[in-house]
């Protein structure tokens, strides 16, 4: 039964991501998600109290996937610059391979649907990346500025480039990836 539960939740999550990125939040009712998922609308309510709960759980599920992908290959013995470059390139790879989740993140993190508790849990999930920032600041390799500012310096420009890539206005060639990382590194290094 547990696998069936996870399978149905995954199907609901996939349909929700697809429909939200196509139609937006308000034009994606539970009934449309259920239809796309091939299940009865009432089935969604077995797993989620309401649409708001569904969206917040979906966000956390995607945040776990993103974090696992971003820190893949990382270990604390890597030099800071190498570790940050690995995380940076893993982020690019994840977003390019997961367009709909990327677009969902872009919409959801700036929407009124995200709860304060979901934001806090998202930060907890994302803590391995934030730990790299903390280690880098402690070792005086990068500027001692708040993690929110560091995150914005590293990932906000990258997200803008991913959006441009999806619209055909930017290519993530090896040269461009190296150039964008170097620009990011120059902005945060001590």
Protein backbone atom coordinates (compact mmCIF):
# COMPACT_ATOMS: atom_id res chain seq x y z
CA UNK A 1 0.00 0.00 0.00
CA UNK A 2 2.86 2.38 0.77
CA UNK A 3 4.24 2.12 -2.79
CA UNK A 4 0.77 2.77 -4.21
CA UNK A 5 0.55 5.87 -2.00
CA UNK A 6 3.91 7.15 -3.19
CA UNK A 7 3.11 6.33 -6.80
CA UNK A 8 -0.20 8.21 -6.66
CA UNK A 9 1.43 11.17 -4.92
CA UNK A 10 4.15 11.22 -7.58
CA UNK A 11 1.53 11.13 -10.34
CA UNK A 12 -0.36 13.97 -8.66
CA UNK A 13 2.89 15.93 -8.23
CA UNK A 14 3.87 15.46 -11.88
CA UNK A 15 0.45 16.56 -13.13
CA UNK A 16 0.45 19.55 -10.78
CA UNK A 17 3.88 20.74 -11.92
CA UNK A 18 2.92 20.35 -15.58
CA UNK A 19 -0.39 22.18 -15.24
CA UNK A 20 0.90 24.97 -12.99
CA UNK A 21 3.71 25.75 -15.42
CA UNK A 22 1.27 25.71 -18.34
CA UNK A 23 -1.71 27.48 -16.78
CA UNK A 24 -0.62 29.17 -13.55
CA UNK A 25 -1.97 28.61 -10.06
CA UNK A 26 -5.44 30.07 -10.39
CA UNK A 27 -6.22 28.30 -13.68
CA UNK A 28 -5.25 24.89 -12.25
CA UNK A 29 -8.04 23.58 -10.04
CA UNK A 30 -7.88 20.22 -8.27
CA UNK A 31 -10.36 18.81 -10.80
CA UNK A 32 -7.96 19.55 -13.67
CA UNK A 33 -5.03 18.02 -11.80
CA UNK A 34 -7.09 14.88 -11.13
CA UNK A 35 -8.16 14.63 -14.77
CA UNK A 36 -4.57 14.99 -15.99
CA UNK A 37 -3.37 12.44 -13.41
CA UNK A 38 -6.09 10.00 -14.46
CA UNK A 39 -7.61 9.76 -11.00
CA UNK A 40 -10.80 10.90 -9.31
CA UNK A 41 -10.70 14.36 -7.78
CA UNK A 42 -11.63 12.86 -4.41
CA UNK A 43 -8.47 10.76 -4.53
CA UNK A 44 -6.34 13.89 -4.27
CA UNK A 45 -8.06 14.73 -1.00
CA UNK A 46 -6.97 11.38 0.43
CA UNK A 47 -3.38 12.61 0.18
CA UNK A 48 -3.77 16.39 0.57
CA UNK A 49 -6.14 18.48 2.67
CA UNK A 50 -6.51 21.06 -0.10
CA UNK A 51 -4.73 22.64 -3.06
CA UNK A 52 -2.66 24.86 -0.79
CA UNK A 53 -1.33 21.82 1.08
CA UNK A 54 -0.66 20.01 -2.20
CA UNK A 55 1.40 22.93 -3.53
CA UNK A 56 3.46 23.26 -0.35
CA UNK A 57 4.18 19.52 -0.17
CA UNK A 58 5.07 19.52 -3.86
CA UNK A 59 7.51 22.38 -3.31
CA UNK A 60 9.23 20.50 -0.47
CA UNK A 61 9.39 17.33 -2.55
CA UNK A 62 11.04 19.22 -5.40
CA UNK A 63 13.36 21.02 -2.96
CA UNK A 64 14.58 17.62 -1.72
CA UNK A 65 15.21 16.49 -5.30
CA UNK A 66 17.03 19.72 -6.14
CA UNK A 67 19.21 19.60 -3.03
CA UNK A 68 20.16 15.96 -3.59
CA UNK A 69 21.12 16.75 -7.19
CA UNK A 70 23.01 19.94 -6.34
CA UNK A 71 25.23 18.34 -3.69
CA UNK A 72 25.88 15.15 -5.67
CA UNK A 73 29.62 14.47 -5.62
CA UNK A 74 30.26 17.01 -2.85
CA UNK A 75 32.34 16.17 0.18
CA UNK A 76 33.82 18.40 2.87
CA UNK A 77 37.37 17.66 1.72
CA UNK A 78 36.91 19.55 -1.55
CA UNK A 79 38.47 23.00 -1.69
CA UNK A 80 35.76 25.66 -1.37
CA UNK A 81 36.04 26.97 -4.91
CA UNK A 82 35.85 23.44 -6.33
CA UNK A 83 32.87 22.65 -4.08
CA UNK A 84 30.98 25.77 -5.11
CA UNK A 85 31.73 25.15 -8.78
CA UNK A 86 30.43 21.60 -8.43
CA UNK A 87 27.23 22.83 -6.76
CA UNK A 88 26.85 25.54 -9.42
CA UNK A 89 27.23 23.10 -12.30
CA UNK A 90 24.96 20.54 -10.65
CA UNK A 91 22.32 23.26 -10.29
CA UNK A 92 22.56 24.05 -13.99
CA UNK A 93 22.30 20.38 -14.92
CA UNK A 94 19.28 19.81 -12.67
CA UNK A 95 17.41 22.84 -13.98
CA UNK A 96 18.14 22.08 -17.62
CA UNK A 97 16.97 18.49 -17.17
CA UNK A 98 13.90 19.52 -15.15
CA UNK A 99 12.34 22.47 -16.96
CA UNK A 100 8.86 22.17 -15.47
CA UNK A 101 10.09 21.87 -11.86
CA UNK A 102 12.38 24.87 -12.51
CA UNK A 103 9.44 26.90 -13.79
CA UNK A 104 7.33 25.76 -10.83
CA UNK A 105 10.07 26.91 -8.41
CA UNK A 106 10.21 30.28 -10.13
CA UNK A 107 6.46 30.78 -9.76
CA UNK A 108 5.91 29.21 -6.34
CA UNK A 109 8.74 30.83 -4.38
CA UNK A 110 7.35 34.24 -5.31
CA UNK A 111 3.69 33.41 -4.76
CA UNK A 112 1.31 33.87 -1.83
CA UNK A 113 0.79 30.09 -1.77
CA UNK A 114 4.07 29.37 0.02
CA UNK A 115 3.70 29.08 3.80
CA UNK A 116 6.19 30.40 6.33
CA UNK A 117 6.66 26.86 7.65
CA UNK A 118 7.29 25.61 4.12
CA UNK A 119 9.96 28.28 3.63
CA UNK A 120 11.62 27.23 6.89
CA UNK A 121 11.47 23.53 5.98
CA UNK A 122 12.84 24.39 2.52
CA UNK A 123 15.83 26.07 4.17
CA UNK A 124 16.37 23.02 6.38
CA UNK A 125 16.30 20.75 3.32
CA UNK A 126 18.70 23.10 1.51
CA UNK A 127 21.08 23.28 4.49
CA UNK A 128 23.89 21.25 2.83
CA UNK A 129 24.35 24.10 0.35
CA UNK A 130 24.11 26.73 3.06
CA UNK A 131 26.68 24.76 5.08
CA UNK A 132 29.16 25.17 2.22
CA UNK A 133 28.61 28.94 2.38
CA UNK A 134 29.15 28.88 6.15
CA UNK A 135 32.35 26.85 5.82
CA UNK A 136 33.60 29.20 3.10
CA UNK A 137 32.90 32.27 5.23
CA UNK A 138 34.55 30.69 8.28
CA UNK A 139 37.64 29.92 6.21
CA UNK A 140 37.55 33.49 4.85
CA UNK A 141 37.45 32.22 1.26
CA UNK A 142 34.28 34.15 0.44
CA UNK A 143 32.83 37.39 1.76
CA UNK A 144 31.25 37.25 5.19
CA UNK A 145 27.80 38.37 4.09
CA UNK A 146 24.38 36.88 4.88
CA UNK A 147 23.55 33.60 3.16
CA UNK A 148 20.50 35.18 1.54
CA UNK A 149 22.79 37.67 -0.20
CA UNK A 150 25.27 34.94 -1.17
CA UNK A 151 22.48 32.76 -2.51
CA UNK A 152 21.14 35.69 -4.52
CA UNK A 153 24.61 36.42 -5.93
CA UNK A 154 25.13 32.82 -6.99
CA UNK A 155 21.73 31.49 -7.98
CA UNK A 156 19.52 34.43 -9.00
CA UNK A 157 21.68 35.33 -12.04
CA UNK A 158 21.91 31.65 -12.86
CA UNK A 159 18.12 31.28 -12.75
CA UNK A 160 17.83 34.25 -15.12
CA UNK A 161 20.22 32.53 -17.53
CA UNK A 162 18.27 29.27 -17.31
CA UNK A 163 15.09 31.19 -18.25
CA UNK A 164 16.97 32.76 -21.18
CA UNK A 165 18.22 29.32 -22.19
CA UNK A 166 14.66 27.96 -22.25
CA UNK A 167 13.55 30.89 -24.42
CA UNK A 168 16.45 30.29 -26.83
CA UNK A 169 18.40 33.43 -25.94
CA UNK A 170 21.34 31.80 -24.15
CA UNK A 171 23.32 28.59 -24.58
CA UNK A 172 24.95 26.76 -21.71
CA UNK A 173 28.11 25.85 -23.58
CA UNK A 174 31.15 24.79 -21.56
CA UNK A 175 32.65 28.22 -22.17
CA UNK A 176 29.53 30.04 -20.98
CA UNK A 177 29.24 27.84 -17.90
CA UNK A 178 32.89 28.53 -17.01
CA UNK A 179 32.42 32.26 -17.69
CA UNK A 180 29.27 32.54 -15.58
CA UNK A 181 30.83 30.61 -12.70
CA UNK A 182 33.96 32.78 -12.79
CA UNK A 183 31.77 35.89 -12.72
CA UNK A 184 29.86 34.48 -9.75
CA UNK A 185 33.10 33.52 -7.98
CA UNK A 186 34.56 36.99 -8.51
CA UNK A 187 31.44 38.49 -6.91
CA UNK A 188 31.63 36.45 -3.70
CA UNK A 189 35.30 35.63 -3.09
CA UNK A 190 37.17 37.45 -0.33
